[in-house]
PDB file of N, CA and C in Angstrom:
ATOM      1  N   MET A   1       2.533  12.834 -16.469  1.00  0.00           N
ATOM      2  CA  MET A   1       1.413  12.979 -15.563  1.00  0.00           C
ATOM      3  C   MET A   1       1.796  12.444 -14.190  1.00  0.00           C
ATOM      4  N   ALA A   2       1.698  13.286 -13.182  1.00  0.00           N
ATOM      5  CA  ALA A   2       2.041  12.879 -11.819  1.00  0.00           C
ATOM      6  C   ALA A   2       0.811  12.285 -11.136  1.00  0.00           C
ATOM      7  N   VAL A   3       1.038  11.215 -10.423  1.00  0.00           N
ATOM      8  CA  VAL A   3      -0.030  10.561  -9.670  1.00  0.00           C
ATOM      9  C   VAL A   3       0.423  10.500  -8.225  1.00  0.00           C
ATOM     10  N   ASN A   4      -0.420  10.979  -7.312  1.00  0.00           N
ATOM     11  CA  ASN A   4      -0.022  10.916  -5.907  1.00  0.00           C
ATOM     12  C   ASN A   4      -0.552   9.635  -5.268  1.00  0.00           C
ATOM     13  N   LEU A   5      -0.092   9.355  -4.081  1.00  0.00           N
ATOM     14  CA  LEU A   5      -0.448   8.115  -3.399  1.00  0.00           C
ATOM     15  C   LEU A   5      -1.949   7.995  -3.192  1.00  0.00           C
ATOM     16  N   GLN A   6      -2.608   9.082  -2.843  1.00  0.00           N
ATOM     17  CA  GLN A   6      -4.053   9.013  -2.608  1.00  0.00           C
ATOM     18  C   GLN A   6      -4.795   8.622  -3.887  1.00  0.00           C
ATOM     19  N   ASP A   7      -4.307   9.086  -5.038  1.00  0.00           N
ATOM     20  CA  ASP A   7      -4.912   8.681  -6.315  1.00  0.00           C
ATOM     21  C   ASP A   7      -4.780   7.170  -6.511  1.00  0.00           C
ATOM     22  N   VAL A   8      -3.619   6.634  -6.186  1.00  0.00           N
ATOM     23  CA  VAL A   8      -3.379   5.200  -6.329  1.00  0.00           C
ATOM     24  C   VAL A   8      -4.303   4.422  -5.392  1.00  0.00           C
ATOM     25  N   VAL A   9      -4.428   4.885  -4.155  1.00  0.00           N
ATOM     26  CA  VAL A   9      -5.306   4.222  -3.189  1.00  0.00           C
ATOM     27  C   VAL A   9      -6.745   4.246  -3.689  1.00  0.00           C
ATOM     28  N   ASN A  10      -7.191   5.381  -4.181  1.00  0.00           N
ATOM     29  CA  ASN A  10      -8.557   5.486  -4.692  1.00  0.00           C
ATOM     30  C   ASN A  10      -8.784   4.542  -5.866  1.00  0.00           C
ATOM     31  N   MET A  11      -7.796   4.434  -6.752  1.00  0.00           N
ATOM     32  CA  MET A  11      -7.933   3.516  -7.883  1.00  0.00           C
ATOM     33  C   MET A  11      -7.953   2.066  -7.406  1.00  0.00           C
ATOM     34  N   ALA A  12      -7.108   1.740  -6.430  1.00  0.00           N
ATOM     35  CA  ALA A  12      -7.047   0.372  -5.919  1.00  0.00           C
ATOM     36  C   ALA A  12      -8.360  -0.017  -5.252  1.00  0.00           C
ATOM     37  N   GLU A  13      -8.996   0.917  -4.591  1.00  0.00           N
ATOM     38  CA  GLU A  13     -10.274   0.617  -3.944  1.00  0.00           C
ATOM     39  C   GLU A  13     -11.354   0.276  -4.963  1.00  0.00           C
ATOM     40  N   GLY A  14     -11.195   0.725  -6.194  1.00  0.00           N
ATOM     41  CA  GLY A  14     -12.162   0.440  -7.242  1.00  0.00           C
ATOM     42  C   GLY A  14     -11.955  -0.895  -7.928  1.00  0.00           C
ATOM     43  N   LEU A  15     -10.891  -1.600  -7.588  1.00  0.00           N
ATOM     44  CA  LEU A  15     -10.609  -2.894  -8.205  1.00  0.00           C
ATOM     45  C   LEU A  15     -11.519  -3.976  -7.644  1.00  0.00           C
ATOM     46  N   THR A  16     -11.713  -5.027  -8.420  1.00  0.00           N
ATOM     47  CA  THR A  16     -12.434  -6.195  -7.915  1.00  0.00           C
ATOM     48  C   THR A  16     -11.537  -6.914  -6.917  1.00  0.00           C
ATOM     49  N   ASP A  17     -12.103  -7.834  -6.150  1.00  0.00           N
ATOM     50  CA  ASP A  17     -11.305  -8.592  -5.186  1.00  0.00           C
ATOM     51  C   ASP A  17     -10.194  -9.374  -5.886  1.00  0.00           C
ATOM     52  N   ASP A  18     -10.493  -9.959  -7.052  1.00  0.00           N
ATOM     53  CA  ASP A  18      -9.474 -10.700  -7.790  1.00  0.00           C
ATOM     54  C   ASP A  18      -8.356  -9.776  -8.256  1.00  0.00           C
ATOM     55  N   GLN A  19      -8.710  -8.588  -8.729  1.00  0.00           N
ATOM     56  CA  GLN A  19      -7.701  -7.630  -9.174  1.00  0.00           C
ATOM     57  C   GLN A  19      -6.846  -7.148  -8.006  1.00  0.00           C
ATOM     58  N   LYS A  20      -7.468  -6.968  -6.844  1.00  0.00           N
ATOM     59  CA  LYS A  20      -6.711  -6.568  -5.655  1.00  0.00           C
ATOM     60  C   LYS A  20      -5.714  -7.651  -5.275  1.00  0.00           C
ATOM     61  N   ALA A  21      -6.150  -8.909  -5.359  1.00  0.00           N
ATOM     62  CA  ALA A  21      -5.259 -10.021  -5.035  1.00  0.00           C
ATOM     63  C   ALA A  21      -4.090 -10.058  -6.008  1.00  0.00           C
ATOM     64  N   GLU A  22      -4.359  -9.842  -7.297  1.00  0.00           N
ATOM     65  CA  GLU A  22      -3.288  -9.807  -8.296  1.00  0.00           C
ATOM     66  C   GLU A  22      -2.331  -8.657  -8.018  1.00  0.00           C
ATOM     67  N   LEU A  23      -2.851  -7.523  -7.611  1.00  0.00           N
ATOM     68  CA  LEU A  23      -2.017  -6.366  -7.285  1.00  0.00           C
ATOM     69  C   LEU A  23      -1.105  -6.671  -6.104  1.00  0.00           C
ATOM     70  N   VAL A  24      -1.646  -7.326  -5.099  1.00  0.00           N
ATOM     71  CA  VAL A  24      -0.841  -7.684  -3.925  1.00  0.00           C
ATOM     72  C   VAL A  24       0.289  -8.616  -4.327  1.00  0.00           C
ATOM     73  N   VAL A  25      -0.019  -9.622  -5.146  1.00  0.00           N
ATOM     74  CA  VAL A  25       1.016 -10.556  -5.600  1.00  0.00           C
ATOM     75  C   VAL A  25       2.085  -9.802  -6.383  1.00  0.00           C
ATOM     76  N   TRP A  26       1.672  -8.901  -7.260  1.00  0.00           N
ATOM     77  CA  TRP A  26       2.625  -8.123  -8.048  1.00  0.00           C
ATOM     78  C   TRP A  26       3.515  -7.282  -7.139  1.00  0.00           C
ATOM     79  N   LEU A  27       2.905  -6.620  -6.147  1.00  0.00           N
ATOM     80  CA  LEU A  27       3.680  -5.788  -5.225  1.00  0.00           C
ATOM     81  C   LEU A  27       4.674  -6.626  -4.432  1.00  0.00           C
ATOM     82  N   LEU A  28       4.245  -7.797  -3.961  1.00  0.00           N
ATOM     83  CA  LEU A  28       5.152  -8.662  -3.210  1.00  0.00           C
ATOM     84  C   LEU A  28       6.307  -9.132  -4.081  1.00  0.00           C
ATOM     85  N   ASP A  29       6.032  -9.457  -5.337  1.00  0.00           N
ATOM     86  CA  ASP A  29       7.110  -9.839  -6.256  1.00  0.00           C
ATOM     87  C   ASP A  29       8.057  -8.669  -6.483  1.00  0.00           C
ATOM     88  N   ARG A  30       7.514  -7.479  -6.605  1.00  0.00           N
ATOM     89  CA  ARG A  30       8.318  -6.272  -6.829  1.00  0.00           C
ATOM     90  C   ARG A  30       9.240  -6.009  -5.638  1.00  0.00           C
ATOM     91  N   ILE A  31       8.715  -6.243  -4.436  1.00  0.00           N
ATOM     92  CA  ILE A  31       9.495  -6.045  -3.218  1.00  0.00           C
ATOM     93  C   ILE A  31      10.724  -6.954  -3.213  1.00  0.00           C
ATOM     94  N   LYS A  32      10.564  -8.160  -3.734  1.00  0.00           N
ATOM     95  CA  LYS A  32      11.663  -9.132  -3.722  1.00  0.00           C
ATOM     96  C   LYS A  32      12.799  -8.756  -4.662  1.00  0.00           C
ATOM     97  N   THR A  33      12.547  -7.850  -5.596  1.00  0.00           N
ATOM     98  CA  THR A  33      13.544  -7.570  -6.621  1.00  0.00           C
ATOM     99  C   THR A  33      14.502  -6.440  -6.271  1.00  0.00           C
ATOM    100  N   HIS A  34      14.282  -5.752  -5.161  1.00  0.00           N
ATOM    101  CA  HIS A  34      15.226  -4.690  -4.799  1.00  0.00           C
ATOM    102  C   HIS A  34      15.392  -4.601  -3.285  1.00  0.00           C
ATOM    103  N   GLU A  35      16.499  -4.011  -2.873  1.00  0.00           N
ATOM    104  CA  GLU A  35      16.807  -3.833  -1.444  1.00  0.00           C
ATOM    105  C   GLU A  35      15.824  -2.837  -0.836  1.00  0.00           C
ATOM    106  N   LEU A  36      15.251  -3.195   0.284  1.00  0.00           N
ATOM    107  CA  LEU A  36      14.276  -2.326   0.939  1.00  0.00           C
ATOM    108  C   LEU A  36      14.953  -1.350   1.892  1.00  0.00           C
ATOM    109  N   THR A  37      14.398  -0.155   1.956  1.00  0.00           N
ATOM    110  CA  THR A  37      14.870   0.817   2.943  1.00  0.00           C
ATOM    111  C   THR A  37      14.213   0.481   4.282  1.00  0.00           C
ATOM    112  N   ALA A  38      14.706   1.087   5.327  1.00  0.00           N
ATOM    113  CA  ALA A  38      14.109   0.872   6.649  1.00  0.00           C
ATOM    114  C   ALA A  38      12.648   1.311   6.655  1.00  0.00           C
ATOM    115  N   GLN A  39      12.360   2.402   5.987  1.00  0.00           N
ATOM    116  CA  GLN A  39      10.982   2.896   5.926  1.00  0.00           C
ATOM    117  C   GLN A  39      10.077   1.910   5.176  1.00  0.00           C
ATOM    118  N   GLU A  40      10.572   1.323   4.097  1.00  0.00           N
ATOM    119  CA  GLU A  40       9.787   0.335   3.354  1.00  0.00           C
ATOM    120  C   GLU A  40       9.562  -0.924   4.191  1.00  0.00           C
ATOM    121  N   ARG A  41      10.602  -1.355   4.898  1.00  0.00           N
ATOM    122  CA  ARG A  41      10.451  -2.532   5.768  1.00  0.00           C
ATOM    123  C   ARG A  41       9.412  -2.268   6.865  1.00  0.00           C
ATOM    124  N   GLN A  42       9.450  -1.075   7.437  1.00  0.00           N
ATOM    125  CA  GLN A  42       8.487  -0.722   8.475  1.00  0.00           C
ATOM    126  C   GLN A  42       7.068  -0.705   7.904  1.00  0.00           C
ATOM    127  N   ALA A  43       6.898  -0.180   6.702  1.00  0.00           N
ATOM    128  CA  ALA A  43       5.572  -0.130   6.075  1.00  0.00           C
ATOM    129  C   ALA A  43       5.047  -1.535   5.823  1.00  0.00           C
ATOM    130  N   ILE A  44       5.921  -2.445   5.386  1.00  0.00           N
ATOM    131  CA  ILE A  44       5.503  -3.829   5.157  1.00  0.00           C
ATOM    132  C   ILE A  44       5.117  -4.482   6.474  1.00  0.00           C
ATOM    133  N   PHE A  45       5.936  -4.283   7.495  1.00  0.00           N
ATOM    134  CA  PHE A  45       5.622  -4.839   8.813  1.00  0.00           C
ATOM    135  C   PHE A  45       4.282  -4.307   9.314  1.00  0.00           C
ATOM    136  N   ASP A  46       4.080  -3.001   9.217  1.00  0.00           N
ATOM    137  CA  ASP A  46       2.834  -2.399   9.676  1.00  0.00           C
ATOM    138  C   ASP A  46       1.635  -2.952   8.918  1.00  0.00           C
ATOM    139  N   SER A  47       1.819  -3.261   7.648  1.00  0.00           N
ATOM    140  CA  SER A  47       0.704  -3.779   6.851  1.00  0.00           C
ATOM    141  C   SER A  47       0.318  -5.191   7.265  1.00  0.00           C
ATOM    142  N   MET A  48       1.233  -5.894   7.934  1.00  0.00           N
ATOM    143  CA  MET A  48       0.946  -7.263   8.358  1.00  0.00           C
ATOM    144  C   MET A  48       0.300  -7.338   9.735  1.00  0.00           C
ATOM    145  N   THR A  49       0.316  -6.251  10.461  1.00  0.00           N
ATOM    146  CA  THR A  49      -0.289  -6.281  11.785  1.00  0.00           C
ATOM    147  C   THR A  49      -1.797  -6.129  11.668  1.00  0.00           C
ATOM    148  N   VAL A  50      -2.510  -6.805  12.530  1.00  0.00           N
ATOM    149  CA  VAL A  50      -3.961  -6.797  12.490  1.00  0.00           C
ATOM    150  C   VAL A  50      -4.486  -6.428  13.873  1.00  0.00           C
ATOM    151  N   ASP A  51      -5.399  -5.479  13.921  1.00  0.00           N
ATOM    152  CA  ASP A  51      -6.027  -5.111  15.183  1.00  0.00           C
ATOM    153  C   ASP A  51      -7.230  -6.015  15.385  1.00  0.00           C
ATOM    154  N   LEU A  52      -7.131  -6.900  16.344  1.00  0.00           N
ATOM    155  CA  LEU A  52      -8.216  -7.835  16.613  1.00  0.00           C
ATOM    156  C   LEU A  52      -9.197  -7.304  17.642  1.00  0.00           C
ATOM    157  N   GLY A  53      -9.007  -6.085  18.056  1.00  0.00           N
ATOM    158  CA  GLY A  53      -9.908  -5.487  19.031  1.00  0.00           C
ATOM    159  C   GLY A  53      -9.461  -5.771  20.451  1.00  0.00           C
ATOM    160  N   PRO A  54     -10.261  -5.338  21.411  1.00  0.00           N
ATOM    161  CA  PRO A  54      -9.880  -5.520  22.806  1.00  0.00           C
ATOM    162  C   PRO A  54      -9.917  -6.995  23.224  1.00  0.00           C
ATOM    163  N   VAL A  55      -9.129  -7.297  24.234  1.00  0.00           N
ATOM    164  CA  VAL A  55      -9.119  -8.638  24.805  1.00  0.00           C
ATOM    165  C   VAL A  55     -10.402  -8.819  25.607  1.00  0.00           C
ATOM    166  N   LEU A  56     -10.909 -10.031  25.619  1.00  0.00           N
ATOM    167  CA  LEU A  56     -12.139 -10.309  26.359  1.00  0.00           C
ATOM    168  C   LEU A  56     -11.975  -9.936  27.829  1.00  0.00           C
ATOM    169  N   PRO A  57     -13.024  -9.408  28.446  1.00  0.00           N
ATOM    170  CA  PRO A  57     -12.927  -9.017  29.860  1.00  0.00           C
ATOM    171  C   PRO A  57     -12.565 -10.187  30.779  1.00  0.00           C
ATOM    172  N   SER A  58     -12.922 -11.402  30.382  1.00  0.00           N
ATOM    173  CA  SER A  58     -12.638 -12.567  31.227  1.00  0.00           C
ATOM    174  C   SER A  58     -11.219 -13.100  31.045  1.00  0.00           C
ATOM    175  N   TYR A  59     -10.437 -12.520  30.129  1.00  0.00           N
ATOM    176  CA  TYR A  59      -9.073 -12.999  29.877  1.00  0.00           C
ATOM    177  C   TYR A  59      -8.180 -12.728  31.083  1.00  0.00           C
ATOM    178  N   SER A  60      -7.340 -13.693  31.372  1.00  0.00           N
ATOM    179  CA  SER A  60      -6.356 -13.537  32.435  1.00  0.00           C
ATOM    180  C   SER A  60      -5.013 -14.049  31.925  1.00  0.00           C
ATOM    181  N   ASP A  61      -3.954 -13.337  32.258  1.00  0.00           N
ATOM    182  CA  ASP A  61      -2.627 -13.820  31.882  1.00  0.00           C
ATOM    183  C   ASP A  61      -1.918 -14.482  33.063  1.00  0.00           C
ATOM    184  N   GLN A  62      -2.671 -14.807  34.086  1.00  0.00           N
ATOM    185  CA  GLN A  62      -2.118 -15.484  35.254  1.00  0.00           C
ATOM    186  C   GLN A  62      -2.085 -16.993  35.018  1.00  0.00           C
ATOM    187  N   ARG A  63      -0.962 -17.617  35.286  1.00  0.00           N
ATOM    188  CA  ARG A  63      -0.803 -19.054  35.061  1.00  0.00           C
ATOM    189  C   ARG A  63      -1.863 -19.855  35.811  1.00  0.00           C
ATOM    190  N   GLU A  64      -2.159 -19.448  37.024  1.00  0.00           N
ATOM    191  CA  GLU A  64      -3.111 -20.184  37.846  1.00  0.00           C
ATOM    192  C   GLU A  64      -4.496 -20.254  37.190  1.00  0.00           C
ATOM    193  N   ASP A  65      -4.824 -19.266  36.392  1.00  0.00           N
ATOM    194  CA  ASP A  65      -6.124 -19.247  35.724  1.00  0.00           C
ATOM    195  C   ASP A  65      -6.149 -20.137  34.478  1.00  0.00           C
ATOM    196  N   TRP A  66      -4.982 -20.493  33.960  1.00  0.00           N
ATOM    197  CA  TRP A  66      -4.915 -21.320  32.768  1.00  0.00           C
ATOM    198  C   TRP A  66      -4.678 -22.795  33.080  1.00  0.00           C
ATOM    199  N   TYR A  67      -3.899 -23.062  34.156  1.00  0.00           N
ATOM    200  CA  TYR A  67      -3.532 -24.433  34.478  1.00  0.00           C
ATOM    201  C   TYR A  67      -3.922 -24.720  35.924  1.00  0.00           C
ATOM    202  N   ASP A  68      -4.499 -25.878  36.094  1.00  0.00           N
ATOM    203  CA  ASP A  68      -4.914 -26.279  37.432  1.00  0.00           C
ATOM    204  C   ASP A  68      -3.824 -27.154  38.046  1.00  0.00           C
ATOM    205  N   ASP A  69      -2.715 -26.513  38.382  1.00  0.00           N
ATOM    206  CA  ASP A  69      -1.616 -27.236  39.014  1.00  0.00           C
ATOM    207  C   ASP A  69      -0.989 -26.386  40.096  1.00  0.00           C
ATOM    208  N   ALA A  70      -0.070 -26.955  40.815  1.00  0.00           N
ATOM    209  CA  ALA A  70       0.541 -26.251  41.938  1.00  0.00           C
ATOM    210  C   ALA A  70       1.726 -25.391  41.486  1.00  0.00           C
ATOM    211  N   HIS A  71       2.066 -25.400  40.214  1.00  0.00           N
ATOM    212  CA  HIS A  71       3.184 -24.641  39.627  1.00  0.00           C
ATOM    213  C   HIS A  71       4.451 -25.051  40.253  1.00  0.00           C
TER     214      HIS A  71
END
């Protein structure tokens, strides 16, 4: 019986939070047991990135706005 990735994703979404956590631990252990391809490494990296949304409008990356000194 062939199972495609979307089937796996749909099944994983039906798991409880505890089961999802166990699945993540299992997957991470599985990753450690074999050499990763570049594509697998990229997928792992992408899974660790988090979109925190836009930066606040008042944010400034200018040193003068962060430190009150003469630089």
